[in-house]
Every structure is written in C-alpha cells, then in structure tokens.
Protein backbone atom coordinates (compact mmCIF):
# COMPACT_ATOMS: atom_id res chain seq x y z
CA MET A 1 0.00 0.00 0.00
CA LYS A 2 1.15 3.56 -0.69
CA LEU A 3 1.98 5.51 2.46
CA ALA A 4 1.32 9.24 2.39
CA THR A 5 2.44 11.59 5.14
CA ARG A 6 -1.10 11.51 6.50
CA HIS A 7 -0.88 7.74 6.93
CA LEU A 8 2.47 7.99 8.68
CA ALA A 9 1.11 10.58 11.11
CA LEU A 10 -2.03 8.56 11.89
CA PHE A 11 0.01 5.38 12.35
CA ALA A 12 2.30 7.18 14.79
CA ALA A 13 -0.53 8.79 16.81
CA PRO A 14 -0.89 6.01 19.45
CA SER A 15 2.81 6.46 20.22
CA ILE A 16 1.94 9.65 22.10
CA PRO A 17 -0.02 7.99 24.93
CA ILE A 18 2.29 4.94 24.76
CA ALA A 19 5.17 7.28 25.63
CA ALA A 20 3.14 8.98 28.33
CA LEU A 21 2.60 5.55 29.86
CA GLY A 22 6.05 4.06 29.46
CA MET A 23 8.27 6.94 30.54
CA PRO A 24 6.77 7.44 34.04
CA LEU A 25 7.11 3.71 34.78
CA VAL A 26 10.87 4.18 35.04
CA ILE A 27 11.21 7.87 35.94
CA TYR A 28 8.30 9.11 38.07
CA LEU A 29 6.45 6.12 39.49
CA PRO A 30 9.30 4.29 41.29
CA PRO A 31 10.30 7.39 43.33
CA PHE A 32 6.59 8.24 43.84
CA TYR A 33 5.78 4.87 45.37
CA ALA A 34 9.10 4.60 47.24
CA GLU A 35 9.19 8.10 48.72
CA ASP A 36 5.77 9.79 48.58
CA LEU A 37 3.76 6.66 49.38
CA GLY A 38 6.44 5.34 51.73
CA LEU A 39 6.99 1.80 50.40
CA GLY A 40 10.81 2.14 50.43
CA LEU A 41 13.54 1.81 47.83
CA SER A 42 14.24 -1.91 48.05
CA ILE A 43 10.56 -2.96 48.06
CA VAL A 44 9.67 -0.71 45.13
CA GLY A 45 12.78 -1.76 43.20
CA THR A 46 11.89 -5.42 43.75
CA VAL A 47 8.21 -4.98 42.73
CA PHE A 48 9.12 -3.08 39.56
CA MET A 49 11.75 -5.68 38.67
CA ILE A 50 9.31 -8.58 39.24
CA THR A 51 6.60 -6.97 37.12
CA ARG A 52 9.09 -6.15 34.38
CA LEU A 53 10.24 -9.77 34.36
CA TRP A 54 6.59 -10.82 34.15
CA ASP A 55 6.25 -8.43 31.24
CA VAL A 56 9.25 -10.07 29.59
CA ALA A 57 7.72 -13.53 30.07
CA THR A 58 4.44 -12.52 28.40
CA ASP A 59 6.07 -10.76 25.44
CA VAL A 60 6.90 -13.86 23.42
CA MET A 61 3.56 -15.52 24.17
CA LEU A 62 1.55 -12.49 23.07
CA GLY A 63 3.82 -11.92 20.07
CA ALA A 64 3.28 -15.49 18.87
CA VAL A 65 -0.48 -15.18 19.42
CA ALA A 66 -0.56 -11.93 17.46
CA ASP A 67 1.15 -13.57 14.46
CA ARG A 68 -1.58 -16.20 14.28
CA ALA A 69 -4.45 -13.72 14.37
CA ARG A 70 -6.59 -13.62 11.23
CA THR A 71 -9.75 -11.49 11.20
CA ARG A 72 -11.68 -9.55 8.60
CA TRP A 73 -10.36 -6.36 10.29
CA GLY A 74 -6.72 -7.46 9.91
CA ARG A 75 -4.19 -9.28 12.09
CA ARG A 76 -2.75 -6.34 14.10
CA ARG A 77 -5.49 -3.77 14.70
CA PRO A 78 -7.93 -5.97 16.69
CA LEU A 79 -5.34 -6.58 19.45
CA ILE A 80 -4.52 -2.86 19.55
CA VAL A 81 -8.17 -2.01 20.11
CA ALA A 82 -8.62 -4.79 22.70
CA ALA A 83 -5.74 -3.40 24.76
CA VAL A 84 -7.40 -0.01 25.30
CA PRO A 85 -9.97 -0.88 28.03
CA ILE A 86 -7.37 -2.89 29.95
CA LEU A 87 -4.96 0.03 29.92
CA LEU A 88 -7.56 2.62 30.87
CA LEU A 89 -8.50 0.70 34.02
CA CYS A 90 -4.88 0.03 35.03
CA VAL A 91 -3.71 3.59 34.39
CA TRP A 92 -6.46 4.86 36.69
CA ARG A 93 -5.36 2.50 39.51
CA VAL A 94 -1.59 2.96 39.11
CA PHE A 95 -1.33 6.69 38.37
CA LEU A 96 -4.15 7.82 40.65
CA PRO A 97 -3.82 5.47 43.64
CA PRO A 98 -5.41 5.91 47.09
CA GLU A 99 -3.36 7.65 49.79
CA GLU A 100 -2.34 4.36 51.39
CA VAL A 101 -1.20 1.42 49.25
CA SER A 102 0.60 -1.85 49.85
CA TRP A 103 3.26 -3.57 47.81
CA LEU A 104 0.60 -6.10 46.76
CA TYR A 105 -1.62 -3.34 45.34
CA LEU A 106 1.28 -2.06 43.25
CA LEU A 107 2.24 -5.56 42.12
CA VAL A 108 -1.25 -6.59 40.96
CA TRP A 109 -2.05 -3.45 39.00
CA LEU A 110 1.39 -3.29 37.39
CA VAL A 111 1.07 -6.92 36.23
CA LEU A 112 -2.27 -6.18 34.56
CA LEU A 113 -1.02 -2.90 33.10
CA TYR A 114 1.92 -4.62 31.44
CA VAL A 115 -0.39 -7.16 29.78
CA GLY A 116 -2.35 -4.38 28.09
CA TRP A 117 0.79 -2.44 27.24
CA THR A 118 2.40 -5.48 25.61
CA MET A 119 -0.72 -6.16 23.53
CA LEU A 120 -0.68 -2.58 22.27
CA THR A 121 3.02 -1.98 21.67
CA ILE A 122 3.97 -5.27 20.02
CA SER A 123 0.97 -5.19 17.70
CA HIS A 124 1.73 -1.57 16.82
CA MET A 125 5.39 -2.28 15.99
CA ALA A 126 4.55 -5.40 13.96
CA TRP A 127 1.88 -3.46 12.07
CA GLY A 128 4.51 -0.89 11.08
CA ALA A 129 6.95 -3.58 9.93
CA GLU A 130 4.34 -5.05 7.59
CA LEU A 131 3.29 -1.76 6.00
CA SER A 132 6.40 -1.68 3.76
CA ASP A 133 9.18 -3.96 2.52
CA ASP A 134 11.54 -1.12 1.59
CA TYR A 135 14.81 -0.81 3.59
CA HIS A 136 14.58 2.98 4.02
CA VAL A 137 10.78 3.32 4.21
CA ARG A 138 10.93 1.07 7.24
CA SER A 139 13.25 3.57 8.87
CA ARG A 140 10.80 6.36 8.02
CA LEU A 141 7.93 4.42 9.58
CA GLN A 142 9.86 3.77 12.76
CA GLY A 143 11.14 7.35 12.68
CA TRP A 144 7.57 8.63 12.70
CA ARG A 145 6.68 6.20 15.47
CA GLN A 146 9.67 7.27 17.54
CA GLY A 147 8.86 10.90 16.80
CA GLY A 148 5.38 10.25 18.20
CA LEU A 149 6.90 8.66 21.29
CA LEU A 150 9.21 11.60 21.90
CA PHE A 151 6.45 14.10 21.17
CA GLY A 152 4.33 12.30 23.76
CA MET A 153 7.14 12.53 26.27
CA VAL A 154 7.48 16.25 25.61
CA LEU A 155 3.74 16.80 26.08
CA VAL A 156 3.50 14.70 29.21
CA LEU A 157 6.49 16.48 30.73
CA ALA A 158 5.24 19.96 29.88
CA LEU A 159 2.28 19.79 32.28
CA PRO A 160 4.26 18.62 35.36
CA SER A 161 6.95 21.17 34.52
CA TRP A 162 4.36 23.96 34.46
CA ILE A 163 2.87 22.73 37.74
CA GLU A 164 6.29 22.61 39.41
CA GLN A 165 7.09 26.18 38.39
CA ARG A 166 3.65 27.72 39.05
CA ILE A 167 2.05 25.93 41.98
CA GLY A 168 4.58 23.34 43.16
CA GLY A 169 3.58 19.77 43.88
CA GLY A 170 5.25 16.44 44.47
CA GLY A 171 5.07 12.97 43.03
CA ALA A 172 1.30 12.64 43.45
CA THR A 173 0.71 15.79 41.39
CA ARG A 174 2.99 14.60 38.61
CA ALA A 175 1.55 11.08 38.51
CA GLY A 176 -2.03 12.35 38.54
CA ALA A 177 -1.47 14.81 35.70
CA ILE A 178 0.17 12.14 33.56
CA GLY A 179 -2.58 9.66 34.35
CA TRP A 180 -5.36 11.99 33.18
CA PHE A 181 -3.34 12.79 30.05
CA ILE A 182 -3.20 9.08 29.12
CA LEU A 183 -6.86 8.46 29.94
CA ALA A 184 -7.93 11.27 27.63
CA LEU A 185 -5.60 10.62 24.70
CA LEU A 186 -5.32 6.82 24.40
CA PRO A 187 -8.80 6.03 22.99
CA ILE A 188 -8.69 9.01 20.61
CA THR A 189 -5.34 8.17 19.02
CA VAL A 190 -6.02 4.43 18.75
CA ALA A 191 -9.32 5.14 17.00
CA ALA A 192 -7.63 7.55 14.58
CA ALA A 193 -4.88 5.07 13.70
CA THR A 194 -6.97 1.93 13.33
CA LEU A 195 -9.68 3.67 11.30
CA GLY A 196 -7.34 5.82 9.20
CA VAL A 197 -4.61 3.32 8.21
CA GLY A 198 -5.20 -0.10 6.70
CA GLU A 199 -3.11 -3.26 6.68
CA ARG A 200 -1.30 -4.86 3.77
CA ALA A 201 -2.54 -8.23 2.59
CA ILE A 202 -0.18 -10.95 3.81
CA ALA A 203 0.66 -13.79 1.45
CA PRO A 204 -0.39 -17.33 2.48
CA GLN A 205 2.04 -18.80 4.99
CA THR A 206 3.94 -21.97 4.15
CA GLY A 207 5.60 -22.48 7.53
CA GLU A 208 4.27 -23.86 10.80
CA PRO A 209 3.16 -21.69 13.75
CA VAL A 210 5.82 -21.22 16.41
CA GLY A 211 5.25 -21.77 20.13
CA MET A 212 7.07 -20.11 22.99
CA LEU A 213 9.88 -22.65 23.34
CA ARG A 214 10.58 -22.75 19.62
CA ALA A 215 10.54 -18.95 19.59
CA PHE A 216 13.54 -18.83 21.88
CA ARG A 217 15.27 -21.48 19.76
CA LEU A 218 14.52 -19.40 16.68
CA ALA A 219 16.21 -16.37 18.23
CA ILE A 220 19.29 -18.42 19.13
CA THR A 221 19.66 -19.95 15.68
CA ASN A 222 19.06 -16.74 13.72
CA ARG A 223 22.52 -15.37 13.03
CA PHE A 224 21.30 -11.75 13.03
CA MET A 225 18.84 -11.78 15.89
CA LEU A 226 21.18 -12.34 18.82
CA ARG A 227 23.31 -9.36 17.92
CA VAL A 228 20.28 -7.09 17.67
CA LEU A 229 18.97 -8.36 21.00
CA ALA A 230 22.36 -7.82 22.66
CA ALA A 231 22.48 -4.26 21.33
CA ASP A 232 18.93 -3.61 22.53
CA LEU A 233 19.71 -5.00 25.99
CA GLY A 234 22.70 -2.70 26.32
CA ALA A 235 20.77 0.34 25.14
CA GLY A 236 17.83 -0.51 27.40
CA LEU A 237 20.02 -0.98 30.45
CA ALA A 238 21.74 2.35 29.86
CA ALA A 239 18.47 4.21 29.40
CA GLY A 240 16.89 2.43 32.35
CA VAL A 241 19.64 3.32 34.82
CA THR A 242 19.73 7.01 33.87
CA ALA A 243 15.92 7.13 33.93
CA SER A 244 15.44 5.36 37.26
CA LEU A 245 18.10 7.53 38.95
CA TYR A 246 17.22 10.78 37.21
CA ILE A 247 14.96 12.23 39.92
CA PHE A 248 17.48 11.41 42.64
CA PHE A 249 20.36 12.82 40.58
CA VAL A 250 18.67 16.16 39.91
CA GLU A 251 17.20 16.58 43.39
CA HIS A 252 20.18 15.42 45.46
CA ALA A 253 23.34 15.64 43.31
CA LEU A 254 22.38 18.92 41.61
CA ASP A 255 19.96 20.28 44.25
CA MET A 256 17.61 21.52 41.51
CA ASP A 257 14.35 19.68 42.29
CA ARG A 258 12.22 22.55 40.91
CA TRP A 259 13.69 21.93 37.47
CA THR A 260 13.33 18.14 37.15
CA SER A 261 10.61 18.22 34.49
CA LEU A 262 12.27 21.06 32.58
CA PHE A 263 15.59 19.24 32.27
CA LEU A 264 13.83 16.06 31.19
CA LEU A 265 11.75 18.06 28.74
CA THR A 266 14.81 19.52 27.05
CA TYR A 267 16.39 16.05 26.89
CA PHE A 268 13.41 14.59 25.03
CA VAL A 269 13.02 17.66 22.79
CA ALA A 270 16.63 17.13 21.73
CA GLY A 271 15.87 13.46 21.11
CA LEU A 272 12.80 14.35 19.08
CA LEU A 273 14.72 16.81 16.91
CA SER A 274 17.52 14.29 16.38
CA VAL A 275 15.33 11.55 14.88
CA PRO A 276 15.36 12.91 11.29
CA MET A 277 19.11 13.46 11.58
CA TRP A 278 19.83 9.82 12.52
CA VAL A 279 17.48 8.52 9.83
CA ARG A 280 19.24 10.63 7.19
CA ILE A 281 22.66 9.51 8.42
CA SER A 282 21.50 5.90 8.14
CA TYR A 283 20.79 6.46 4.45
CA ARG A 284 24.54 7.00 3.97
CA LEU A 285 26.18 4.82 6.64
CA GLY A 286 23.59 2.07 6.99
CA LYS A 287 21.39 1.45 10.01
CA HIS A 288 23.82 -0.66 12.02
CA THR A 289 26.81 1.67 11.66
CA THR A 290 24.68 4.69 12.48
CA PHE A 291 23.40 2.94 15.61
CA ALA A 292 26.94 2.15 16.76
CA VAL A 293 28.07 5.75 16.16
CA ALA A 294 25.14 7.06 18.21
CA MET A 295 25.93 4.73 21.14
CA LEU A 296 29.59 5.76 21.11
CA TYR A 297 28.56 9.41 21.06
CA MET A 298 26.31 9.02 24.11
CA ALA A 299 28.96 7.03 26.02
CA ALA A 300 31.47 9.81 25.33
CA VAL A 301 29.32 12.76 26.43
CA LEU A 302 27.53 11.27 29.47
CA PRO A 303 30.54 11.54 31.87
CA PHE A 304 30.49 15.33 31.47
CA VAL A 305 27.45 15.49 33.80
CA LEU A 306 29.90 14.70 36.61
CA LEU A 307 31.18 18.25 36.22
CA LEU A 308 27.77 19.64 37.20
CA GLY A 309 26.79 20.36 40.78
CA PRO A 310 24.73 22.54 43.12
CA GLY A 311 25.00 26.21 42.28
CA ASP A 312 25.65 25.72 38.58
CA PRO A 313 23.42 27.81 36.29
CA VAL A 314 20.28 26.18 34.97
CA TRP A 315 21.36 26.79 31.37
CA ALA A 316 24.49 24.66 31.91
CA VAL A 317 22.43 21.67 33.02
CA VAL A 318 19.97 22.23 30.17
CA GLY A 319 22.88 22.27 27.72
CA ALA A 320 24.28 19.03 29.12
CA TYR A 321 20.98 17.21 28.76
CA VAL A 322 20.45 18.60 25.25
CA ILE A 323 23.87 17.34 24.15
CA TYR A 324 23.25 13.90 25.65
CA GLY A 325 19.66 13.80 24.36
CA LEU A 326 20.78 14.25 20.75
CA GLY A 327 21.77 10.59 20.77
CA TYR A 328 18.52 9.30 22.25
CA GLY A 329 16.53 9.19 19.01
CA ALA A 330 18.84 6.72 17.27
CA ALA A 331 18.47 3.39 19.05
CA PRO A 332 14.67 2.94 19.07
CA VAL A 333 14.29 3.94 15.41
CA LEU A 334 17.20 2.00 13.95
CA LEU A 335 16.86 -1.23 15.94
CA LYS A 336 13.15 -1.51 15.17
CA SER A 337 13.87 -0.90 11.50
CA ILE A 338 16.65 -3.52 11.55
CA ILE A 339 14.27 -6.04 13.13
CA ALA A 340 11.92 -5.60 10.16
CA ASP A 341 14.86 -6.59 7.93
CA VAL A 342 15.64 -9.58 10.17
CA THR A 343 12.07 -10.82 9.68
CA ASP A 344 12.80 -11.01 5.95
CA HIS A 345 15.68 -13.37 6.67
CA ASP A 346 13.42 -15.45 8.90
CA ALA A 347 10.61 -15.49 6.31
CA LEU A 348 13.02 -16.91 3.76
CA ARG A 349 14.07 -19.67 6.18
CA SER A 350 10.67 -20.53 7.62
CA GLY A 351 8.09 -19.48 5.02
CA THR A 352 6.21 -17.57 7.72
CA ARG A 353 6.03 -13.85 8.51
CA ARG A 354 6.58 -13.52 12.25
CA ALA A 355 6.95 -9.80 12.84
CA GLY A 356 4.96 -10.01 16.08
CA LEU A 357 7.28 -12.69 17.45
CA PHE A 358 10.44 -10.82 16.50
CA TYR A 359 9.24 -7.52 17.90
CA SER A 360 8.19 -9.31 21.07
CA LEU A 361 11.76 -10.58 21.42
CA LEU A 362 13.07 -7.06 20.90
CA ALA A 363 10.61 -5.72 23.46
CA MET A 364 11.69 -8.50 25.81
CA THR A 365 15.36 -7.53 25.84
CA ASN A 366 14.57 -3.83 26.14
CA LYS A 367 12.27 -4.45 29.09
CA LEU A 368 14.81 -6.83 30.60
CA GLY A 369 17.33 -4.00 30.46
CA PHE A 370 14.92 -1.65 32.23
CA ALA A 371 14.01 -4.33 34.78
CA LEU A 372 17.66 -4.94 35.59
CA SER A 373 18.26 -1.20 35.80
CA VAL A 374 15.77 -0.64 38.63
CA GLY A 375 16.54 -3.92 40.37
CA VAL A 376 20.28 -3.25 40.29
CA ALA A 377 20.51 0.55 40.57
CA TYR A 378 18.30 0.97 43.66
CA PRO A 379 20.12 -1.67 45.74
CA LEU A 380 23.42 -0.10 44.61
CA LEU A 381 22.20 3.19 46.07
CA ASP A 382 21.51 1.39 49.34
CA LEU A 383 25.00 -0.10 49.14
CA VAL A 384 26.71 3.29 48.79
CA GLY A 385 24.63 4.68 51.66
CA PHE A 386 22.30 6.93 49.67
CA ASP A 387 18.89 7.61 51.27
CA PRO A 388 16.39 9.83 49.40
CA GLN A 389 14.58 10.68 52.66
CA ALA A 390 17.66 11.77 54.63
CA GLU A 391 20.58 14.19 54.51
CA ASN A 392 23.26 12.37 52.53
CA SER A 393 27.00 12.51 53.03
CA PRO A 394 29.33 13.69 50.23
CA GLU A 395 30.42 10.09 49.80
CA ALA A 396 26.84 8.92 49.28
CA ILE A 397 26.23 11.68 46.72
CA LEU A 398 29.44 10.69 44.92
CA GLY A 399 28.21 7.08 44.85
CA LEU A 400 24.94 8.26 43.28
CA ARG A 401 26.87 10.22 40.65
CA LEU A 402 29.12 7.29 39.73
CA VAL A 403 26.27 4.78 39.43
CA TYR A 404 24.40 7.30 37.26
CA VAL A 405 27.32 7.50 34.79
CA ILE A 406 29.49 4.38 34.85
CA VAL A 407 26.84 1.68 34.40
CA PRO A 408 25.09 3.41 31.45
CA ALA A 409 28.35 4.31 29.71
CA ALA A 410 29.59 0.72 29.87
CA SER A 411 26.24 -0.54 28.57
CA LEU A 412 26.32 1.89 25.64
CA LEU A 413 29.78 0.70 24.64
CA ALA A 414 28.60 -2.91 24.73
CA ALA A 415 25.60 -2.02 22.54
CA ALA A 416 27.87 -0.34 19.98
CA ALA A 417 30.16 -3.36 19.87
CA ALA A 418 27.22 -5.70 19.25
CA MET A 419 26.19 -3.91 16.05
CA TRP A 420 29.60 -3.00 14.66
CA ARG A 421 30.11 -4.70 11.26
CA PHE A 422 26.57 -6.11 11.32
CA PRO A 423 26.22 -8.02 8.00
CA LEU A 424 22.52 -7.36 7.19
CA ASP A 425 22.90 -4.15 5.18
CA GLU A 426 20.75 -2.59 2.46
CA LYS A 427 22.21 -4.74 -0.32
CA LEU A 428 21.59 -8.02 1.51
CA GLN A 429 18.09 -6.93 2.60
CA ARG A 430 17.08 -6.24 -1.00
CA GLU A 431 18.37 -9.66 -2.04
CA LEU A 432 16.37 -11.28 0.76
CA ARG A 433 13.21 -9.39 -0.20
CA ALA A 434 13.56 -10.48 -3.81
CA GLU A 435 13.85 -14.13 -2.77
CA VAL A 436 10.89 -13.84 -0.35
CA ALA A 437 8.75 -12.19 -3.04
CA ALA A 438 9.63 -14.90 -5.54
CA ARG A 439 8.69 -17.64 -3.07
CA GLU A 440 5.40 -15.97 -2.16
CA ALA A 441 4.54 -15.54 -5.86
CA GLN A 442 4.88 -19.31 -6.32
CA SER A 443 2.70 -20.16 -3.29
C-alpha cells in the first residue's frame, strides 16, 4: 500500500499515549511509590523488577499469538483495540492510587497494566513492519513512530513542569497529571490510527506456527537476531539506569528539584529533533553503523554530567541534557527498523512472517534492560549509603553520581560493539526481499 504523510502521522498517533505511559514507569512512578507513598527503595525496586520480568515472560507468548491472528479487520489492529480498556483501568489505579497502598496493590495493578501495554506496543510495531518492505521506508515508519513517542514525552512532561514552576507539587501531582493525560488521549489516538490506516494483505504462509519454546530457539539460531537483541539489551540498560536515577540525581546531586521536568523536557526535545538526523545519516552509513556511532557518542558525552553540581546555572544543566539527548533518538528507530529486515531473513528460512514474534523478542530484551536497571541501581544506592529521605554525606552523593554515569556508559559501549560490522545491510536486505517475493509468488 502507498503511504502518504497523513498515513504515517495517523500510524504514529498512538505512540503519544504509549510514551506517556512508558516513561513514568521508570522515571516518576518508582520514586513516587518509594518516597511519597512510603513503600521504600528496596521494596519498590523489587516490585518493579518482578513486574518487568513478568512483562518479559508474556512478550513472546503475546507476540506469537498476534502472528496467528486472522480477522476480517486485519491481524494487528484488533489486538490494539482490545488493549485499550485494559490500559484505561490500570492507568487509573496505578497513576491515581489511594493515599495508602501496599506492595501487593502495586504488584497486581502493574502486572495487569503490562499485559495491556504489551498487547498494544507489540501489535503496533509489527503493524509498522508489515506496511512496507523497503529498507529505508521502514526507517521512516519507525522514525515517525519514535517521533510520536518523543512528542508524547514532551507533552507529558510539559504539564508537570508547568505545575512545578507555578504551583509546586510532588510525586502525586505529577503522577495524577500524567494519568489523566493518558486516559484522555489513548482512545482518541487508537481510534484515529486503526480507522485511518489499513493493513497490507499478507501472502499465504507456508511455515508452521511457532510456540514459545521454539521462539527462543529461533532467536538463538538466527545469526542476526542475537546481535540485535544484545544491542537492545545494552541500550535498554543504559536508558533504564539514567531514567530510574534521574529524579534522585537532579534533586540530590544537583539540588535543583524545581527543574526536574524542565531538564527532562529539554532532553526529550533534543531526542525528538535528532530523529530525522539519525534517519538521514543511516541512508549513507547504513542502520547498524549509524546505531553504533550514536551509542559511542552518548557514552562519550555522558561523563560530562559529573562536572555539574549545586549552584551551577540552569542553562548549563539544560545544555548538558540537550547534548546527551541528541543521541537518544537513534536506538529505538534503527533497531526496530533492523528487526523488520531480520524478519525477511526469517521469512526466507521458515516461510512464515513472524513480525509479532520478532518484535516481542526485541521488546523482551529492552524491558529486561529496564528491569535490571531498577533492580540493580536501587540496591546499589543502598550499598553506597544513599537515602532519598535523609541528609546524605558527600560520599553517598558521589556514589549516586558514579552509578548514574558508569553503568550506562559501559552498557552503551557494549551495545555499539554488538552492532559494529553487522552483516545485514541494504544490499543483503534487498536480495532477501527479492527471494521472499519470488517464493510468495509461487505459493
């Protein structure tokens, strides 16, 4: 099907509330439940890690189920629509909780929320992969989707930032504002996308359906998939650590708690503006090389935040986060586009299009990285003696600073190494697509 700019924009629209949902799960909600609601760092870190691991476990199952779906409305859009009521209920309970909650309350509602989120995000990514077979158009599709995600982050940060500067407010105010934003926007954007953009007809499948156990075996035996998953795990771990420690870093290491949303806003604006740049660079260097360059760039500039401290001008911190944020738009766009190419290789081997399965595996490693980030970073803060509810020693603040920088930088370097000299380039992808098309024409 021919994709006009209008189709790209409508397809990307659900990314706005998806971002508004995903970003607070690693930035705002853990500190909110640990500090404002008094559950404690270790308990909250453990609950978020358990629910993330649950989310990882359901990814492959739901991805395989999505690939088997066949309805008169398509194979991807029905699951997207079905996820909406689940998410609306869970967002209400998680983002607007009662004044007193238990760890069990948080655990139950997060588990259910992740089910709905997985249904929506995996189906949305797989839908995008199947809209085009072209190497560069796939990057455009994922660029629009990532642009929608970053635009959603900018919007959802703008309201808390305004509240902080005008009327003040803590974690409850931020979580509540974000919750109402999601509740209002999710049904509107999903309706616009599913009604405004169709699905391409998929050729009859010649391969057998894949269960969960065979899915993992498929990932291990695919010579491209493991490297992409390793890169995604490294990028996810880096982003997860900086995200989960961001509030503590700004409030305690920089002593600028009134500016938390503003700094984050500038970071995501920089990421949003960088997406077209990385896509254009990938036209010349290839997706994998561009990804590696972006990871090396972020690993090189992140340590400069160690030079910042209390009393520094706001513009200096804004500049630091803008410089670091310029690399943020690369990984999500390029890895998701590369996965679409990997599905071509798999289709040639298996005779089956399994975009849902492959994107579920990509989502699995990314979520695993975020799960490890909270489950590792928060106990490390306990280990170095940092306490968000007490006056911390200079040594504890230094420990916070080092965890905030060293772990992400090492993870970014590992991600770059995983994709360096990746063999599935534009030339090979076009050869694969020609062979897949020839096989499907004969079926």
